[in-house]
Amino acid sequence: MRLVARRIGLLSSLLACFGPGARGAATEPAVPAAAEFAGLAYYARANRALPPPAAGERRVVFMGDSITQSWGDVERDYFVRRDRINRGISGQATAQMLLRFRQDVIALRPAAVHILAGTNDLAGNVGPMDLEAIESNLASMAELARANGIAVVLGSVLPARDFPWRPGLEPGPKILALNDWLLAYARQHDCVYVDYWSAMTDGALGMRPALALDGVHPTAEGYRLMLPLAEAGIAAALRQGIERR
């Protein structure tokens, strides 16, 4: 029991540091991370207030972590649109996103979902995660989306030579391996892969300094580079969705 209590305490501490509200503004006050692993209540009020898609509206939900959440803070004009919904939560790993995927994506009835995830898994935010487990969570989110008629955009994990909150892990090679898997999965399962990594790398497994605040989170310039890539991927995914009908 003592060992279990210690592990729960460690998990609570990690989530308190990297959970909802750790980076970026939110649409409503964060629920204490130790009290709710997946952040199920984080966007609950915003989801209830969101009207159904209007006739002809092709809504897109952005699912992710602090990189996605902060994207909403930087590109406010983009995410104020009715058809672009940001559901990023700082610090989250893919297991947490998978748990809230039904209410924060499927229930919002989007035409497409943009999934950008994996950084915090590789950092071990909620404990050690091997590539197979990360891939399984990403595949499950994509399968849930496709089963509900939602087109899928899979964003590559952004380049990072190190994680400032968890130094010494040398994540670069694992990021490359995970991105190779994302590309192969997208080709095999009618998803669209957006290669942010190639556009942002410094050529040595890290992100170009002008594009990164801390080697991981994009600057405004970084997000300006990412946005047209995201929009091109979304347009391709929406076209695929129409063709499948």
Protein backbone atom coordinates (compact mmCIF):
# COMPACT_ATOMS: atom_id res chain seq x y z
CA MET A 1 0.00 0.00 0.00
CA ARG A 2 2.86 2.36 0.81
CA LEU A 3 4.36 1.79 -2.66
CA VAL A 4 0.98 2.43 -4.30
CA ALA A 5 0.55 5.64 -2.31
CA ARG A 6 4.02 6.82 -3.34
CA ARG A 7 3.25 6.14 -6.99
CA ILE A 8 -0.07 7.99 -6.78
CA GLY A 9 1.67 10.91 -5.11
CA LEU A 10 4.32 11.01 -7.84
CA LEU A 11 1.67 10.91 -10.58
CA SER A 12 -0.27 13.69 -8.87
CA SER A 13 2.85 15.84 -8.67
CA LEU A 14 3.65 15.32 -12.34
CA LEU A 15 0.13 16.16 -13.42
CA ALA A 16 0.01 19.22 -11.21
CA CYS A 17 3.16 20.50 -12.93
CA PHE A 18 2.23 19.65 -16.50
CA GLY A 19 -1.54 19.37 -16.45
CA PRO A 20 -4.23 21.83 -17.60
CA GLY A 21 -3.27 25.45 -17.20
CA ALA A 22 0.50 24.87 -17.07
CA ARG A 23 0.86 26.81 -20.34
CA GLY A 24 -1.46 29.16 -22.13
CA ALA A 25 -4.89 30.58 -21.40
CA ALA A 26 -7.92 28.33 -21.24
CA THR A 27 -11.57 28.88 -21.98
CA GLU A 28 -12.46 28.16 -18.37
CA PRO A 29 -10.63 27.58 -15.07
CA ALA A 30 -8.57 24.41 -14.95
CA VAL A 31 -9.72 21.50 -12.86
CA PRO A 32 -6.92 20.42 -10.48
CA ALA A 33 -4.95 17.87 -12.47
CA ALA A 34 -4.53 15.46 -9.56
CA ALA A 35 -8.32 15.24 -9.28
CA GLU A 36 -8.93 14.42 -12.91
CA PHE A 37 -6.36 12.54 -14.97
CA ALA A 38 -7.86 13.16 -18.42
CA GLY A 39 -9.10 16.73 -17.96
CA LEU A 40 -12.64 15.66 -18.80
CA ALA A 41 -14.14 18.81 -17.28
CA TYR A 42 -11.63 21.22 -18.80
CA TYR A 43 -13.69 22.04 -21.90
CA ALA A 44 -17.04 20.73 -20.64
CA ARG A 45 -18.61 24.18 -20.28
CA ALA A 46 -17.27 25.34 -23.66
CA ASN A 47 -18.56 22.16 -25.29
CA ARG A 48 -22.03 22.67 -23.85
CA ALA A 49 -22.08 26.26 -25.12
CA LEU A 50 -20.96 25.30 -28.63
CA PRO A 51 -23.89 25.15 -31.06
CA PRO A 52 -24.18 22.28 -33.57
CA PRO A 53 -22.41 22.90 -36.88
CA ALA A 54 -24.40 25.18 -39.16
CA ALA A 55 -25.64 23.87 -42.48
CA GLY A 56 -22.64 23.45 -44.75
CA GLU A 57 -20.15 24.13 -41.95
CA ARG A 58 -17.06 21.94 -42.07
CA ARG A 59 -15.90 22.12 -38.49
CA VAL A 60 -12.37 21.07 -37.54
CA VAL A 61 -11.28 20.22 -33.99
CA PHE A 62 -7.61 20.53 -33.03
CA MET A 63 -6.72 17.89 -30.43
CA GLY A 64 -3.38 18.14 -28.66
CA ASP A 65 -1.24 19.35 -25.78
CA SER A 66 0.35 22.72 -24.93
CA ILE A 67 1.60 23.15 -28.50
CA THR A 68 -2.00 23.07 -29.69
CA GLN A 69 -3.38 25.04 -26.72
CA SER A 70 -0.81 27.82 -27.19
CA TRP A 71 -1.56 27.83 -30.91
CA GLY A 72 -5.01 29.07 -29.94
CA ASP A 73 -3.49 31.87 -27.88
CA VAL A 74 -1.14 33.02 -30.67
CA GLU A 75 -3.51 32.62 -33.64
CA ARG A 76 -6.62 34.07 -32.00
CA ASP A 77 -8.13 35.29 -35.27
CA TYR A 78 -7.92 31.78 -36.68
CA PHE A 79 -9.39 29.95 -33.70
CA VAL A 80 -12.16 32.48 -33.10
CA ARG A 81 -13.77 31.05 -36.23
CA ARG A 82 -16.85 28.89 -35.65
CA ASP A 83 -15.33 26.11 -37.75
CA ARG A 84 -11.94 25.90 -36.00
CA ILE A 85 -12.16 24.54 -32.45
CA ASN A 86 -9.06 24.30 -30.23
CA ARG A 87 -9.11 21.48 -27.69
CA GLY A 88 -5.47 21.40 -26.61
CA ILE A 89 -4.61 20.87 -22.94
CA SER A 90 -1.14 21.66 -21.68
CA GLY A 91 0.95 18.74 -20.48
CA GLN A 92 -1.27 15.98 -21.81
CA ALA A 93 -0.06 12.70 -23.23
CA THR A 94 -1.93 10.56 -25.76
CA ALA A 95 -3.60 8.36 -23.12
CA GLN A 96 -5.31 11.42 -21.64
CA MET A 97 -6.38 12.68 -25.07
CA LEU A 98 -7.82 9.29 -25.93
CA LEU A 99 -9.94 9.31 -22.77
CA ARG A 100 -11.47 12.69 -23.63
CA PHE A 101 -11.63 12.16 -27.40
CA ARG A 102 -15.32 11.24 -27.47
CA GLN A 103 -16.54 14.36 -25.68
CA ASP A 104 -13.96 16.87 -26.95
CA VAL A 105 -13.99 15.71 -30.58
CA ILE A 106 -16.74 13.28 -31.60
CA ALA A 107 -19.55 15.00 -29.68
CA LEU A 108 -18.72 18.31 -31.40
CA ARG A 109 -19.59 16.75 -34.78
CA PRO A 110 -16.59 17.98 -36.76
CA ALA A 111 -15.89 17.13 -40.37
CA ALA A 112 -12.21 16.64 -39.51
CA VAL A 113 -9.86 16.38 -36.54
CA HIS A 114 -6.25 17.56 -36.43
CA ILE A 115 -4.25 15.42 -33.98
CA LEU A 116 -0.86 16.72 -32.84
CA ALA A 117 0.45 14.60 -29.98
CA GLY A 118 3.33 12.52 -28.67
CA THR A 119 5.78 15.08 -27.25
CA ASN A 120 4.66 14.60 -23.65
CA ASP A 121 4.60 10.82 -24.00
CA LEU A 122 8.25 10.88 -25.07
CA ALA A 123 9.00 13.20 -22.15
CA GLY A 124 7.40 10.73 -19.73
CA ASN A 125 4.95 13.27 -18.32
CA VAL A 126 2.66 10.54 -16.97
CA GLY A 127 5.29 7.84 -16.73
CA PRO A 128 7.46 5.89 -19.15
CA MET A 129 5.83 5.26 -22.55
CA ASP A 130 7.35 3.14 -25.29
CA LEU A 131 6.71 3.88 -28.95
CA GLU A 132 4.27 1.00 -29.34
CA ALA A 133 2.01 2.37 -26.59
CA ILE A 134 2.08 5.88 -28.08
CA GLU A 135 1.28 4.52 -31.53
CA SER A 136 -1.60 2.48 -30.13
CA ASN A 137 -3.18 5.56 -28.55
CA LEU A 138 -2.77 7.60 -31.73
CA ALA A 139 -4.25 4.79 -33.82
CA SER A 140 -7.20 4.48 -31.42
CA MET A 141 -8.00 8.19 -31.75
CA ALA A 142 -7.81 7.95 -35.53
CA GLU A 143 -10.02 4.85 -35.57
CA LEU A 144 -12.63 6.49 -33.32
CA ALA A 145 -12.71 9.47 -35.64
CA ARG A 146 -13.04 7.45 -38.83
CA ALA A 147 -15.75 5.24 -37.29
CA ASN A 148 -17.75 8.42 -36.73
CA GLY A 149 -17.25 9.82 -40.23
CA ILE A 150 -14.56 12.31 -39.20
CA ALA A 151 -11.59 12.85 -41.52
CA VAL A 152 -8.20 12.60 -39.80
CA VAL A 153 -5.15 14.85 -40.04
CA LEU A 154 -2.07 13.52 -38.23
CA GLY A 155 0.57 16.13 -37.49
CA SER A 156 4.16 15.09 -37.11
CA VAL A 157 5.75 15.52 -33.71
CA LEU A 158 7.78 18.75 -33.81
CA PRO A 159 11.57 18.51 -33.67
CA ALA A 160 13.16 18.72 -30.23
CA ARG A 161 16.74 18.01 -29.23
CA ASP A 162 15.84 18.03 -25.55
CA PHE A 163 12.92 18.72 -23.22
CA PRO A 164 13.70 21.60 -20.81
CA TRP A 165 11.40 20.16 -18.12
CA ARG A 166 12.95 16.68 -18.47
CA PRO A 167 16.54 17.19 -19.72
CA GLY A 168 18.84 14.45 -20.88
CA LEU A 169 16.31 12.18 -22.63
CA GLU A 170 17.68 12.90 -26.14
CA PRO A 171 14.26 12.48 -27.82
CA GLY A 172 15.35 13.30 -31.37
CA PRO A 173 15.70 9.71 -32.70
CA LYS A 174 12.42 8.62 -31.07
CA ILE A 175 10.63 11.59 -32.63
CA LEU A 176 11.93 10.52 -36.03
CA ALA A 177 10.75 6.95 -35.44
CA LEU A 178 7.30 8.08 -34.29
CA ASN A 179 6.95 10.36 -37.30
CA ASP A 180 7.90 7.51 -39.63
CA TRP A 181 5.13 5.46 -38.04
CA LEU A 182 2.61 8.34 -38.36
CA LEU A 183 3.41 8.72 -42.06
CA ALA A 184 3.04 4.97 -42.70
CA TYR A 185 -0.19 4.80 -40.70
CA ALA A 186 -1.66 7.76 -42.58
CA ARG A 187 -0.88 6.16 -45.94
CA GLN A 188 -2.42 2.84 -44.90
CA HIS A 189 -5.59 4.22 -43.32
CA ASP A 190 -6.74 7.14 -45.50
CA CYS A 191 -5.50 9.84 -43.12
CA VAL A 192 -3.53 12.94 -44.05
CA TYR A 193 -0.02 13.40 -42.63
CA VAL A 194 1.30 16.94 -42.13
CA ASP A 195 5.09 17.10 -41.94
CA TYR A 196 5.82 19.95 -39.56
CA TRP A 197 9.12 18.32 -38.60
CA SER A 198 10.81 18.83 -41.98
CA ALA A 199 9.68 22.45 -42.17
CA MET A 200 10.95 23.32 -38.68
CA THR A 201 14.08 21.25 -38.10
CA ASP A 202 17.50 22.80 -37.71
CA GLY A 203 19.01 19.78 -39.45
CA ALA A 204 20.36 18.37 -36.18
CA LEU A 205 17.18 16.92 -34.60
CA GLY A 206 16.24 20.23 -32.96
CA MET A 207 13.93 23.09 -33.95
CA ARG A 208 15.31 26.21 -35.60
CA PRO A 209 15.90 28.80 -32.84
CA ALA A 210 13.70 31.44 -34.47
CA LEU A 211 10.78 29.00 -34.45
CA ALA A 212 11.02 27.80 -30.84
CA LEU A 213 10.62 29.52 -27.48
CA ASP A 214 12.38 26.78 -25.53
CA GLY A 215 13.37 24.23 -28.15
CA VAL A 216 9.89 22.64 -28.00
CA HIS A 217 7.07 25.22 -28.08
CA PRO A 218 6.78 27.32 -31.25
CA THR A 219 7.16 31.07 -31.35
CA ALA A 220 4.64 33.22 -33.21
CA GLU A 221 6.86 32.78 -36.27
CA GLY A 222 6.75 29.03 -35.80
CA TYR A 223 2.97 29.01 -35.68
CA ARG A 224 2.82 31.23 -38.77
CA LEU A 225 4.85 28.58 -40.57
CA MET A 226 2.64 25.77 -39.29
CA LEU A 227 -0.74 27.29 -40.10
CA PRO A 228 -0.68 27.00 -43.91
CA LEU A 229 0.65 23.45 -43.61
CA ALA A 230 -2.24 22.61 -41.29
CA GLU A 231 -4.77 24.22 -43.61
CA ALA A 232 -3.41 22.31 -46.62
CA GLY A 233 -3.68 19.06 -44.67
CA ILE A 234 -7.21 19.88 -43.53
CA ALA A 235 -8.30 20.72 -47.08
CA ALA A 236 -6.90 17.40 -48.31
CA ALA A 237 -8.62 15.47 -45.52
CA LEU A 238 -11.96 17.16 -46.18
CA ARG A 239 -11.68 16.32 -49.88
CA GLN A 240 -11.00 12.69 -48.99
CA GLY A 241 -14.02 12.71 -46.72
CA ILE A 242 -16.28 13.94 -49.51
CA GLU A 243 -14.90 11.36 -51.94
CA ARG A 244 -15.60 8.51 -49.48
CA ARG A 245 -19.28 9.42 -49.18
